[in-house]
């Protein structure tokens, strides 16, 4: 009997070790592409990972969300299999899936929509001593147009094309990342910066707190044409008083920040990621002021031009949000 008990304990210990090994083998590491560390994309990815990692003991997912070059860089990384998910502007989701604009001849038909997040106005922040009062005043000035691979750079190129501008129209067209541009404006290395981002934004607050600067309206027939001819663009307003130096509402246009993946990423991974966000929706909305007014019905419908990922659709059907 004593030998039987000893063997039973030993067997139980071995079983526990095997179970532990099996559990470890089931762990899966996932990566979310974000943007610059001062932007809201970085917060989106970090927030989603925080919620996913709270449930790691149940579903085995371990999530990281490093800083990246932004929308286009994230889409390309997902396509290459280097990342599982990422944040991207709604216009670049559309172009990537349809093989248009920057993605002409390079259609990503495996791109899948998961949900949208906050609205992102196209912003121009100019030094008050630069003489810039309208968007057209940027001609001949020193302007940070954004780093290659970022959505803001690509959208600036769309606006330039609509206006018939080239880089030669600027005295300087710098390619600084979001984390670098506020300091460049404050140090008088540029006259204005371009930033497609949700509000309130720390980088813009940094810029207007160090020097006299203001947000500039982006309007006119070319901009209205972009809105009229592209369903992923919409008129947008930045409320006056949100930033020092800008007392009146600023009219511009904008896109949606969207969360995307690939059909190559398995259904369960996306399902658990979506579940982590929407099962903890109030917590998610509290992680950044730009999320405060988010609504579930908008997030599963607006700005999504690629097909819905099967994992996201599974969760939305369970909640009765789609059929």
C-alpha atoms as a PDB file:
ATOM      1  CA  UNK A   1       0.000   0.000   0.000  1.00  0.00           C
ATOM      2  CA  UNK A   2       2.847   2.344   0.831  1.00  0.00           C
ATOM      3  CA  UNK A   3       4.459   1.652  -2.543  1.00  0.00           C
ATOM      4  CA  UNK A   4       1.137   2.333  -4.287  1.00  0.00           C
ATOM      5  CA  UNK A   5       0.837   5.731  -2.584  1.00  0.00           C
ATOM      6  CA  UNK A   6       4.387   6.632  -3.551  1.00  0.00           C
ATOM      7  CA  UNK A   7       3.768   5.726  -7.157  1.00  0.00           C
ATOM      8  CA  UNK A   8       0.507   7.648  -7.120  1.00  0.00           C
ATOM      9  CA  UNK A   9       2.222  10.803  -5.840  1.00  0.00           C
ATOM     10  CA  UNK A  10       5.013  10.393  -8.384  1.00  0.00           C
ATOM     11  CA  UNK A  11       2.466   9.871 -11.153  1.00  0.00           C
ATOM     12  CA  UNK A  12       0.528  12.905 -10.083  1.00  0.00           C
ATOM     13  CA  UNK A  13       3.714  14.992 -10.093  1.00  0.00           C
ATOM     14  CA  UNK A  14       4.629  13.786 -13.571  1.00  0.00           C
ATOM     15  CA  UNK A  15       1.107  14.530 -14.764  1.00  0.00           C
ATOM     16  CA  UNK A  16       1.314  18.034 -13.382  1.00  0.00           C
ATOM     17  CA  UNK A  17       4.646  18.562 -15.149  1.00  0.00           C
ATOM     18  CA  UNK A  18       3.164  17.373 -18.426  1.00  0.00           C
ATOM     19  CA  UNK A  19       0.136  19.600 -17.968  1.00  0.00           C
ATOM     20  CA  UNK A  20       2.407  22.546 -17.277  1.00  0.00           C
ATOM     21  CA  UNK A  21       4.399  21.789 -20.417  1.00  0.00           C
ATOM     22  CA  UNK A  22       1.213  21.553 -22.458  1.00  0.00           C
ATOM     23  CA  UNK A  23       0.005  24.854 -21.079  1.00  0.00           C
ATOM     24  CA  UNK A  24       3.325  26.498 -21.918  1.00  0.00           C
ATOM     25  CA  UNK A  25       3.161  25.105 -25.467  1.00  0.00           C
ATOM     26  CA  UNK A  26      -0.261  26.655 -25.931  1.00  0.00           C
ATOM     27  CA  UNK A  27       1.059  30.182 -25.297  1.00  0.00           C
ATOM     28  CA  UNK A  28       0.953  32.338 -28.410  1.00  0.00           C
ATOM     29  CA  UNK A  29       2.721  35.646 -28.825  1.00  0.00           C
ATOM     30  CA  UNK A  30       0.964  38.241 -30.977  1.00  0.00           C
ATOM     31  CA  UNK A  31       2.210  41.623 -32.169  1.00  0.00           C
ATOM     32  CA  UNK A  32       0.208  44.764 -32.921  1.00  0.00           C
ATOM     33  CA  UNK A  33       1.660  47.528 -35.106  1.00  0.00           C
ATOM     34  CA  UNK A  34       1.023  51.033 -33.779  1.00  0.00           C
ATOM     35  CA  UNK A  35       2.728  54.352 -34.590  1.00  0.00           C
ATOM     36  CA  UNK A  36       4.934  56.963 -32.976  1.00  0.00           C
ATOM     37  CA  UNK A  37       5.123  56.917 -29.181  1.00  0.00           C
ATOM     38  CA  UNK A  38       3.518  60.372 -28.882  1.00  0.00           C
ATOM     39  CA  UNK A  39       0.537  59.444 -31.065  1.00  0.00           C
ATOM     40  CA  UNK A  40      -2.811  57.848 -30.295  1.00  0.00           C
ATOM     41  CA  UNK A  41      -2.031  54.769 -32.436  1.00  0.00           C
ATOM     42  CA  UNK A  42       0.590  53.763 -29.899  1.00  0.00           C
ATOM     43  CA  UNK A  43      -2.002  54.100 -27.128  1.00  0.00           C
ATOM     44  CA  UNK A  44      -4.521  52.055 -29.143  1.00  0.00           C
ATOM     45  CA  UNK A  45      -2.110  49.146 -29.490  1.00  0.00           C
ATOM     46  CA  UNK A  46      -0.887  49.340 -25.917  1.00  0.00           C
ATOM     47  CA  UNK A  47      -4.470  49.506 -24.613  1.00  0.00           C
ATOM     48  CA  UNK A  48      -5.607  46.493 -26.635  1.00  0.00           C
ATOM     49  CA  UNK A  49      -2.573  44.527 -25.466  1.00  0.00           C
ATOM     50  CA  UNK A  50      -3.242  45.472 -21.864  1.00  0.00           C
ATOM     51  CA  UNK A  51      -6.755  44.035 -22.084  1.00  0.00           C
ATOM     52  CA  UNK A  52      -5.644  40.930 -23.990  1.00  0.00           C
ATOM     53  CA  UNK A  53      -2.888  40.220 -21.470  1.00  0.00           C
ATOM     54  CA  UNK A  54      -5.324  40.454 -18.549  1.00  0.00           C
ATOM     55  CA  UNK A  55      -6.871  37.228 -19.858  1.00  0.00           C
ATOM     56  CA  UNK A  56      -3.683  35.411 -20.854  1.00  0.00           C
ATOM     57  CA  UNK A  57      -4.250  32.676 -18.251  1.00  0.00           C
ATOM     58  CA  UNK A  58      -7.510  31.775 -19.997  1.00  0.00           C
ATOM     59  CA  UNK A  59      -6.677  32.058 -23.708  1.00  0.00           C
ATOM     60  CA  UNK A  60      -2.860  31.817 -23.777  1.00  0.00           C
ATOM     61  CA  UNK A  61      -2.262  34.979 -25.838  1.00  0.00           C
ATOM     62  CA  UNK A  62       0.644  37.262 -24.949  1.00  0.00           C
ATOM     63  CA  UNK A  63       0.448  40.610 -26.695  1.00  0.00           C
ATOM     64  CA  UNK A  64       3.054  43.269 -27.505  1.00  0.00           C
ATOM     65  CA  UNK A  65       2.528  46.569 -29.345  1.00  0.00           C
ATOM     66  CA  UNK A  66       5.809  48.210 -30.397  1.00  0.00           C
ATOM     67  CA  UNK A  67       6.116  51.687 -31.876  1.00  0.00           C
ATOM     68  CA  UNK A  68       6.185  51.598 -35.706  1.00  0.00           C
ATOM     69  CA  UNK A  69       6.185  53.891 -38.728  1.00  0.00           C
ATOM     70  CA  UNK A  70       2.388  54.037 -38.836  1.00  0.00           C
ATOM     71  CA  UNK A  71      -0.480  52.977 -41.106  1.00  0.00           C
ATOM     72  CA  UNK A  72       1.255  51.859 -44.281  1.00  0.00           C
ATOM     73  CA  UNK A  73       4.175  50.319 -42.425  1.00  0.00           C
ATOM     74  CA  UNK A  74       1.699  48.328 -40.311  1.00  0.00           C
ATOM     75  CA  UNK A  75      -0.266  47.082 -43.320  1.00  0.00           C
ATOM     76  CA  UNK A  76       2.931  46.013 -45.082  1.00  0.00           C
ATOM     77  CA  UNK A  77       4.159  44.249 -41.935  1.00  0.00           C
ATOM     78  CA  UNK A  78       0.874  42.348 -41.616  1.00  0.00           C
ATOM     79  CA  UNK A  79       1.057  41.389 -45.279  1.00  0.00           C
ATOM     80  CA  UNK A  80       4.619  40.110 -44.793  1.00  0.00           C
ATOM     81  CA  UNK A  81       3.560  38.105 -41.728  1.00  0.00           C
ATOM     82  CA  UNK A  82       5.797  40.148 -39.432  1.00  0.00           C
ATOM     83  CA  UNK A  83       2.824  41.396 -37.388  1.00  0.00           C
ATOM     84  CA  UNK A  84      -0.552  39.900 -36.598  1.00  0.00           C
ATOM     85  CA  UNK A  85      -2.619  43.082 -36.342  1.00  0.00           C
ATOM     86  CA  UNK A  86      -2.150  46.821 -36.597  1.00  0.00           C
ATOM     87  CA  UNK A  87      -3.713  50.261 -36.595  1.00  0.00           C
ATOM     88  CA  UNK A  88      -4.231  52.037 -39.918  1.00  0.00           C
ATOM     89  CA  UNK A  89      -6.108  55.012 -41.276  1.00  0.00           C
ATOM     90  CA  UNK A  90      -9.389  54.059 -42.973  1.00  0.00           C
ATOM     91  CA  UNK A  91      -8.227  55.469 -46.317  1.00  0.00           C
ATOM     92  CA  UNK A  92      -5.155  53.246 -46.374  1.00  0.00           C
ATOM     93  CA  UNK A  93      -7.213  50.222 -45.373  1.00  0.00           C
ATOM     94  CA  UNK A  94      -9.348  50.953 -48.454  1.00  0.00           C
ATOM     95  CA  UNK A  95      -6.399  51.490 -50.787  1.00  0.00           C
ATOM     96  CA  UNK A  96      -4.487  48.422 -49.568  1.00  0.00           C
ATOM     97  CA  UNK A  97      -7.459  46.096 -50.026  1.00  0.00           C
ATOM     98  CA  UNK A  98      -8.368  47.532 -53.427  1.00  0.00           C
ATOM     99  CA  UNK A  99      -4.845  47.965 -54.759  1.00  0.00           C
ATOM    100  CA  UNK A 100      -5.184  51.699 -55.375  1.00  0.00           C
ATOM    101  CA  UNK A 101      -3.154  54.852 -54.683  1.00  0.00           C
ATOM    102  CA  UNK A 102       0.102  53.948 -52.900  1.00  0.00           C
ATOM    103  CA  UNK A 103      -0.871  50.242 -53.170  1.00  0.00           C
ATOM    104  CA  UNK A 104      -1.514  50.267 -56.923  1.00  0.00           C
ATOM    105  CA  UNK A 105      -0.264  46.968 -58.342  1.00  0.00           C
ATOM    106  CA  UNK A 106       0.218  45.599 -54.831  1.00  0.00           C
ATOM    107  CA  UNK A 107      -3.313  44.649 -53.754  1.00  0.00           C
ATOM    108  CA  UNK A 108      -3.558  43.030 -50.321  1.00  0.00           C
ATOM    109  CA  UNK A 109      -6.713  40.949 -50.762  1.00  0.00           C
ATOM    110  CA  UNK A 110      -6.103  39.067 -47.513  1.00  0.00           C
ATOM    111  CA  UNK A 111      -6.445  42.301 -45.509  1.00  0.00           C
ATOM    112  CA  UNK A 112      -9.295  42.063 -43.001  1.00  0.00           C
ATOM    113  CA  UNK A 113     -11.081  44.712 -40.942  1.00  0.00           C
ATOM    114  CA  UNK A 114     -11.544  44.124 -37.214  1.00  0.00           C
ATOM    115  CA  UNK A 115     -13.052  47.374 -35.883  1.00  0.00           C
ATOM    116  CA  UNK A 116     -12.596  51.125 -36.133  1.00  0.00           C
ATOM    117  CA  UNK A 117     -11.535  53.376 -33.300  1.00  0.00           C
ATOM    118  CA  UNK A 118     -11.433  57.181 -33.056  1.00  0.00           C
ATOM    119  CA  UNK A 119     -11.771  59.866 -35.699  1.00  0.00           C
ATOM    120  CA  UNK A 120      -8.560  61.436 -36.987  1.00  0.00           C
ATOM    121  CA  UNK A 121      -8.608  64.956 -38.407  1.00  0.00           C
ATOM    122  CA  UNK A 122      -5.882  66.066 -40.807  1.00  0.00           C
ATOM    123  CA  UNK A 123      -4.109  68.773 -38.811  1.00  0.00           C
ATOM    124  CA  UNK A 124      -1.765  71.592 -39.708  1.00  0.00           C
ATOM    125  CA  UNK A 125       0.015  73.277 -36.770  1.00  0.00           C
ATOM    126  CA  UNK A 126       1.954  76.431 -37.683  1.00  0.00           C
ATOM    127  CA  UNK A 127       4.177  78.846 -35.816  1.00  0.00           C
ATOM    128  CA  UNK A 128       2.383  82.180 -35.442  1.00  0.00           C
ATOM    129  CA  UNK A 129       5.508  84.042 -36.581  1.00  0.00           C
ATOM    130  CA  UNK A 130       5.534  82.062 -39.856  1.00  0.00           C
ATOM    131  CA  UNK A 131       2.747  84.082 -41.466  1.00  0.00           C
ATOM    132  CA  UNK A 132       0.794  80.892 -42.213  1.00  0.00           C
ATOM    133  CA  UNK A 133      -2.949  81.525 -41.919  1.00  0.00           C
ATOM    134  CA  UNK A 134      -4.338  79.133 -44.543  1.00  0.00           C
ATOM    135  CA  UNK A 135      -3.256  75.818 -46.001  1.00  0.00           C
ATOM    136  CA  UNK A 136      -2.180  77.527 -49.227  1.00  0.00           C
ATOM    137  CA  UNK A 137       0.268  79.605 -47.175  1.00  0.00           C
ATOM    138  CA  UNK A 138       2.383  76.471 -46.700  1.00  0.00           C
ATOM    139  CA  UNK A 139       3.859  77.009 -50.169  1.00  0.00           C
ATOM    140  CA  UNK A 140       7.387  78.333 -49.850  1.00  0.00           C
ATOM    141  CA  UNK A 141       7.579  77.379 -46.163  1.00  0.00           C
ATOM    142  CA  UNK A 142       9.487  74.763 -44.177  1.00  0.00           C
ATOM    143  CA  UNK A 143       6.991  71.946 -43.544  1.00  0.00           C
ATOM    144  CA  UNK A 144       7.297  68.566 -41.862  1.00  0.00           C
ATOM    145  CA  UNK A 145       5.234  66.340 -44.155  1.00  0.00           C
ATOM    146  CA  UNK A 146       5.753  63.164 -42.084  1.00  0.00           C
ATOM    147  CA  UNK A 147       7.909  60.057 -42.232  1.00  0.00           C
ATOM    148  CA  UNK A 148       7.625  57.616 -45.157  1.00  0.00           C
ATOM    149  CA  UNK A 149       5.326  54.729 -44.247  1.00  0.00           C
ATOM    150  CA  UNK A 150       3.053  56.873 -42.099  1.00  0.00           C
ATOM    151  CA  UNK A 151      -0.585  57.529 -42.908  1.00  0.00           C
ATOM    152  CA  UNK A 152      -0.137  61.255 -42.372  1.00  0.00           C
ATOM    153  CA  UNK A 153       2.620  61.404 -45.005  1.00  0.00           C
ATOM    154  CA  UNK A 154       0.509  59.470 -47.494  1.00  0.00           C
ATOM    155  CA  UNK A 155      -2.547  61.641 -46.839  1.00  0.00           C
ATOM    156  CA  UNK A 156      -0.435  64.787 -47.253  1.00  0.00           C
ATOM    157  CA  UNK A 157       0.652  63.441 -50.631  1.00  0.00           C
ATOM    158  CA  UNK A 158      -3.018  62.956 -51.567  1.00  0.00           C
ATOM    159  CA  UNK A 159      -3.773  66.575 -50.624  1.00  0.00           C
ATOM    160  CA  UNK A 160      -0.723  67.798 -52.536  1.00  0.00           C
ATOM    161  CA  UNK A 161      -1.821  65.862 -55.618  1.00  0.00           C
ATOM    162  CA  UNK A 162      -5.327  67.355 -55.377  1.00  0.00           C
ATOM    163  CA  UNK A 163      -3.767  70.820 -55.295  1.00  0.00           C
ATOM    164  CA  UNK A 164      -1.194  70.083 -57.980  1.00  0.00           C
ATOM    165  CA  UNK A 165       1.723  70.627 -55.593  1.00  0.00           C
ATOM    166  CA  UNK A 166       5.104  68.897 -55.498  1.00  0.00           C
ATOM    167  CA  UNK A 167       7.830  68.846 -52.855  1.00  0.00           C
ATOM    168  CA  UNK A 168       9.506  71.665 -54.758  1.00  0.00           C
ATOM    169  CA  UNK A 169       6.684  73.959 -53.609  1.00  0.00           C
ATOM    170  CA  UNK A 170       8.189  73.965 -50.107  1.00  0.00           C
ATOM    171  CA  UNK A 171      11.357  75.672 -48.952  1.00  0.00           C
ATOM    172  CA  UNK A 172      11.928  72.466 -46.968  1.00  0.00           C
ATOM    173  CA  UNK A 173       9.940  69.228 -46.821  1.00  0.00           C
ATOM    174  CA  UNK A 174      11.227  67.369 -43.771  1.00  0.00           C
ATOM    175  CA  UNK A 175      10.352  63.741 -42.957  1.00  0.00           C
ATOM    176  CA  UNK A 176      10.441  63.722 -39.169  1.00  0.00           C
ATOM    177  CA  UNK A 177       8.496  61.181 -37.136  1.00  0.00           C
ATOM    178  CA  UNK A 178       5.681  62.396 -34.830  1.00  0.00           C
ATOM    179  CA  UNK A 179       7.922  62.157 -31.763  1.00  0.00           C
ATOM    180  CA  UNK A 180      10.396  64.582 -33.337  1.00  0.00           C
ATOM    181  CA  UNK A 181       8.193  67.164 -35.001  1.00  0.00           C
ATOM    182  CA  UNK A 182       6.990  69.191 -31.971  1.00  0.00           C
ATOM    183  CA  UNK A 183      10.598  69.910 -30.955  1.00  0.00           C
ATOM    184  CA  UNK A 184      11.468  70.878 -34.537  1.00  0.00           C
ATOM    185  CA  UNK A 185       8.596  73.374 -34.552  1.00  0.00           C
ATOM    186  CA  UNK A 186       9.667  74.782 -31.188  1.00  0.00           C
ATOM    187  CA  UNK A 187      13.315  75.039 -32.280  1.00  0.00           C
ATOM    188  CA  UNK A 188      12.281  76.948 -35.434  1.00  0.00           C
ATOM    189  CA  UNK A 189      13.592  74.216 -37.725  1.00  0.00           C
ATOM    190  CA  UNK A 190      10.201  74.068 -39.478  1.00  0.00           C
ATOM    191  CA  UNK A 191       7.361  76.557 -39.887  1.00  0.00           C
ATOM    192  CA  UNK A 192       4.563  73.999 -39.745  1.00  0.00           C
ATOM    193  CA  UNK A 193       3.891  70.322 -39.109  1.00  0.00           C
ATOM    194  CA  UNK A 194       1.310  67.980 -40.602  1.00  0.00           C
ATOM    195  CA  UNK A 195      -0.303  65.442 -38.298  1.00  0.00           C
ATOM    196  CA  UNK A 196      -3.278  63.137 -38.894  1.00  0.00           C
ATOM    197  CA  UNK A 197      -4.235  62.183 -35.355  1.00  0.00           C
ATOM    198  CA  UNK A 198      -7.050  61.973 -32.821  1.00  0.00           C
ATOM    199  CA  UNK A 199      -7.610  64.640 -30.207  1.00  0.00           C
ATOM    200  CA  UNK A 200      -6.511  65.647 -27.659  1.00  0.00           C
ATOM    201  CA  UNK A 201      -2.935  64.824 -28.636  1.00  0.00           C
ATOM    202  CA  UNK A 202       0.166  65.130 -26.478  1.00  0.00           C
ATOM    203  CA  UNK A 203       2.508  66.046 -29.325  1.00  0.00           C
ATOM    204  CA  UNK A 204       0.320  68.973 -30.398  1.00  0.00           C
ATOM    205  CA  UNK A 205      -0.047  70.074 -26.773  1.00  0.00           C
ATOM    206  CA  UNK A 206       3.747  69.978 -26.455  1.00  0.00           C
ATOM    207  CA  UNK A 207       4.158  72.097 -29.583  1.00  0.00           C
ATOM    208  CA  UNK A 208       1.720  74.848 -28.570  1.00  0.00           C
ATOM    209  CA  UNK A 209       2.997  74.976 -24.997  1.00  0.00           C
ATOM    210  CA  UNK A 210       6.602  75.719 -25.984  1.00  0.00           C
ATOM    211  CA  UNK A 211       6.017  78.383 -28.667  1.00  0.00           C
ATOM    212  CA  UNK A 212       3.159  80.466 -30.077  1.00  0.00           C
ATOM    213  CA  UNK A 213       1.474  78.183 -32.594  1.00  0.00           C
ATOM    214  CA  UNK A 214      -2.027  77.504 -33.863  1.00  0.00           C
ATOM    215  CA  UNK A 215      -4.029  74.959 -35.822  1.00  0.00           C
ATOM    216  CA  UNK A 216      -4.847  75.977 -39.396  1.00  0.00           C
ATOM    217  CA  UNK A 217      -8.097  75.162 -41.227  1.00  0.00           C
ATOM    218  CA  UNK A 218      -7.830  72.833 -44.231  1.00  0.00           C
ATOM    219  CA  UNK A 219     -10.752  73.669 -46.519  1.00  0.00           C
ATOM    220  CA  UNK A 220     -11.491  74.646 -50.109  1.00  0.00           C
ATOM    221  CA  UNK A 221     -12.779  73.061 -53.333  1.00  0.00           C
ATOM    222  CA  UNK A 222      -9.959  70.513 -53.578  1.00  0.00           C
ATOM    223  CA  UNK A 223     -10.603  69.285 -50.044  1.00  0.00           C
ATOM    224  CA  UNK A 224     -14.342  69.164 -50.625  1.00  0.00           C
ATOM    225  CA  UNK A 225     -13.660  67.138 -53.759  1.00  0.00           C
ATOM    226  CA  UNK A 226     -11.716  64.584 -51.726  1.00  0.00           C
ATOM    227  CA  UNK A 227     -14.629  64.314 -49.295  1.00  0.00           C
ATOM    228  CA  UNK A 228     -17.241  64.031 -52.053  1.00  0.00           C
ATOM    229  CA  UNK A 229     -15.371  61.393 -54.049  1.00  0.00           C
ATOM    230  CA  UNK A 230     -14.035  59.173 -51.272  1.00  0.00           C
ATOM    231  CA  UNK A 231     -16.305  57.501 -48.697  1.00  0.00           C
ATOM    232  CA  UNK A 232     -13.419  57.093 -46.233  1.00  0.00           C
ATOM    233  CA  UNK A 233     -13.013  60.888 -45.884  1.00  0.00           C
ATOM    234  CA  UNK A 234     -15.363  63.163 -43.957  1.00  0.00           C
ATOM    235  CA  UNK A 235     -15.465  66.774 -42.805  1.00  0.00           C
ATOM    236  CA  UNK A 236     -14.013  67.199 -39.311  1.00  0.00           C
ATOM    237  CA  UNK A 237     -13.823  69.936 -36.704  1.00  0.00           C
ATOM    238  CA  UNK A 238     -11.270  70.473 -33.945  1.00  0.00           C
ATOM    239  CA  UNK A 239     -13.075  72.382 -31.169  1.00  0.00           C
ATOM    240  CA  UNK A 240     -11.731  75.811 -30.326  1.00  0.00           C
ATOM    241  CA  UNK A 241     -10.051  76.051 -26.938  1.00  0.00           C
ATOM    242  CA  UNK A 242      -8.716  72.493 -27.006  1.00  0.00           C
ATOM    243  CA  UNK A 243      -5.206  73.802 -27.578  1.00  0.00           C
ATOM    244  CA  UNK A 244      -3.463  76.971 -26.458  1.00  0.00           C
ATOM    245  CA  UNK A 245      -3.444  79.576 -29.222  1.00  0.00           C
ATOM    246  CA  UNK A 246      -6.429  78.157 -31.120  1.00  0.00           C
ATOM    247  CA  UNK A 247      -9.569  79.763 -29.722  1.00  0.00           C
ATOM    248  CA  UNK A 248     -11.963  79.164 -32.616  1.00  0.00           C
ATOM    249  CA  UNK A 249     -13.140  75.880 -34.171  1.00  0.00           C
ATOM    250  CA  UNK A 250     -10.811  74.607 -36.894  1.00  0.00           C
ATOM    251  CA  UNK A 251     -12.446  73.055 -39.962  1.00  0.00           C
ATOM    252  CA  UNK A 252     -10.632  70.287 -41.776  1.00  0.00           C
ATOM    253  CA  UNK A 253     -11.290  66.755 -43.026  1.00  0.00           C
ATOM    254  CA  UNK A 254     -10.308  63.399 -41.678  1.00  0.00           C
ATOM    255  CA  UNK A 255     -10.400  59.636 -41.527  1.00  0.00           C
ATOM    256  CA  UNK A 256     -11.005  56.911 -38.972  1.00  0.00           C
ATOM    257  CA  UNK A 257      -8.328  54.983 -37.145  1.00  0.00           C
ATOM    258  CA  UNK A 258      -9.047  51.319 -37.859  1.00  0.00           C
ATOM    259  CA  UNK A 259      -7.772  48.050 -36.458  1.00  0.00           C
ATOM    260  CA  UNK A 260      -6.861  45.512 -39.149  1.00  0.00           C
ATOM    261  CA  UNK A 261      -5.422  42.036 -39.601  1.00  0.00           C
ATOM    262  CA  UNK A 262      -5.069  39.355 -42.245  1.00  0.00           C
ATOM    263  CA  UNK A 263      -7.110  36.294 -43.134  1.00  0.00           C
ATOM    264  CA  UNK A 264      -3.894  34.347 -42.450  1.00  0.00           C
ATOM    265  CA  UNK A 265      -4.278  35.144 -38.733  1.00  0.00           C
ATOM    266  CA  UNK A 266      -6.438  32.447 -37.152  1.00  0.00           C
ATOM    267  CA  UNK A 267     -10.035  33.080 -36.135  1.00  0.00           C
ATOM    268  CA  UNK A 268      -9.519  32.328 -32.431  1.00  0.00           C
ATOM    269  CA  UNK A 269      -6.732  34.895 -32.043  1.00  0.00           C
ATOM    270  CA  UNK A 270      -8.858  37.692 -33.494  1.00  0.00           C
ATOM    271  CA  UNK A 271     -11.928  36.520 -31.579  1.00  0.00           C
ATOM    272  CA  UNK A 272     -10.104  36.669 -28.249  1.00  0.00           C
ATOM    273  CA  UNK A 273      -8.605  40.072 -29.086  1.00  0.00           C
ATOM    274  CA  UNK A 274     -11.993  41.546 -29.987  1.00  0.00           C
ATOM    275  CA  UNK A 275     -13.572  39.942 -26.943  1.00  0.00           C
ATOM    276  CA  UNK A 276     -10.918  41.476 -24.677  1.00  0.00           C
ATOM    277  CA  UNK A 277     -11.794  44.956 -25.961  1.00  0.00           C
ATOM    278  CA  UNK A 278     -15.585  44.781 -26.029  1.00  0.00           C
ATOM    279  CA  UNK A 279     -16.030  42.697 -22.872  1.00  0.00           C
ATOM    280  CA  UNK A 280     -14.082  45.477 -21.120  1.00  0.00           C
ATOM    281  CA  UNK A 281     -15.404  48.388 -23.155  1.00  0.00           C
ATOM    282  CA  UNK A 282     -15.741  50.935 -20.355  1.00  0.00           C
ATOM    283  CA  UNK A 283     -12.205  50.183 -19.234  1.00  0.00           C
ATOM    284  CA  UNK A 284     -10.966  50.594 -22.818  1.00  0.00           C
ATOM    285  CA  UNK A 285     -12.712  53.965 -23.226  1.00  0.00           C
ATOM    286  CA  UNK A 286     -10.995  55.212 -20.091  1.00  0.00           C
ATOM    287  CA  UNK A 287      -7.486  54.555 -21.397  1.00  0.00           C
ATOM    288  CA  UNK A 288      -7.291  57.734 -23.538  1.00  0.00           C
ATOM    289  CA  UNK A 289      -9.467  60.849 -23.926  1.00  0.00           C
ATOM    290  CA  UNK A 290      -9.786  60.150 -27.679  1.00  0.00           C
ATOM    291  CA  UNK A 291     -11.707  56.951 -26.792  1.00  0.00           C
ATOM    292  CA  UNK A 292     -14.192  58.581 -24.418  1.00  0.00           C
ATOM    293  CA  UNK A 293     -17.063  58.939 -26.897  1.00  0.00           C
ATOM    294  CA  UNK A 294     -16.616  55.671 -28.773  1.00  0.00           C
ATOM    295  CA  UNK A 295     -19.758  53.637 -29.499  1.00  0.00           C
ATOM    296  CA  UNK A 296     -19.796  49.929 -30.238  1.00  0.00           C
ATOM    297  CA  UNK A 297     -22.201  50.290 -33.172  1.00  0.00           C
ATOM    298  CA  UNK A 298     -19.895  52.809 -34.860  1.00  0.00           C
ATOM    299  CA  UNK A 299     -16.757  50.787 -34.262  1.00  0.00           C
ATOM    300  CA  UNK A 300     -18.104  47.716 -36.054  1.00  0.00           C
ATOM    301  CA  UNK A 301     -19.404  49.611 -39.088  1.00  0.00           C
ATOM    302  CA  UNK A 302     -17.658  52.926 -39.804  1.00  0.00           C
ATOM    303  CA  UNK A 303     -14.438  53.130 -41.801  1.00  0.00           C
ATOM    304  CA  UNK A 304     -14.304  49.407 -42.580  1.00  0.00           C
ATOM    305  CA  UNK A 305     -13.739  48.878 -46.307  1.00  0.00           C
ATOM    306  CA  UNK A 306     -12.013  45.491 -46.171  1.00  0.00           C
ATOM    307  CA  UNK A 307     -14.061  42.369 -45.367  1.00  0.00           C
ATOM    308  CA  UNK A 308     -14.629  41.658 -41.684  1.00  0.00           C
ATOM    309  CA  UNK A 309     -12.277  39.069 -40.192  1.00  0.00           C
ATOM    310  CA  UNK A 310     -14.066  35.803 -39.340  1.00  0.00           C
ATOM    311  CA  UNK A 311     -12.912  36.053 -35.719  1.00  0.00           C
ATOM    312  CA  UNK A 312     -14.416  39.523 -35.338  1.00  0.00           C
ATOM    313  CA  UNK A 313     -17.627  38.445 -37.086  1.00  0.00           C
ATOM    314  CA  UNK A 314     -17.944  35.494 -34.692  1.00  0.00           C
ATOM    315  CA  UNK A 315     -17.862  37.787 -31.652  1.00  0.00           C
ATOM    316  CA  UNK A 316     -20.226  40.372 -33.164  1.00  0.00           C
ATOM    317  CA  UNK A 317     -22.724  37.627 -34.015  1.00  0.00           C
ATOM    318  CA  UNK A 318     -22.546  36.287 -30.459  1.00  0.00           C
ATOM    319  CA  UNK A 319     -23.410  39.763 -29.184  1.00  0.00           C
ATOM    320  CA  UNK A 320     -26.283  40.068 -31.672  1.00  0.00           C
ATOM    321  CA  UNK A 321     -24.659  43.104 -33.347  1.00  0.00           C
ATOM    322  CA  UNK A 322     -24.620  41.557 -36.831  1.00  0.00           C
ATOM    323  CA  UNK A 323     -26.467  38.673 -38.445  1.00  0.00           C
END
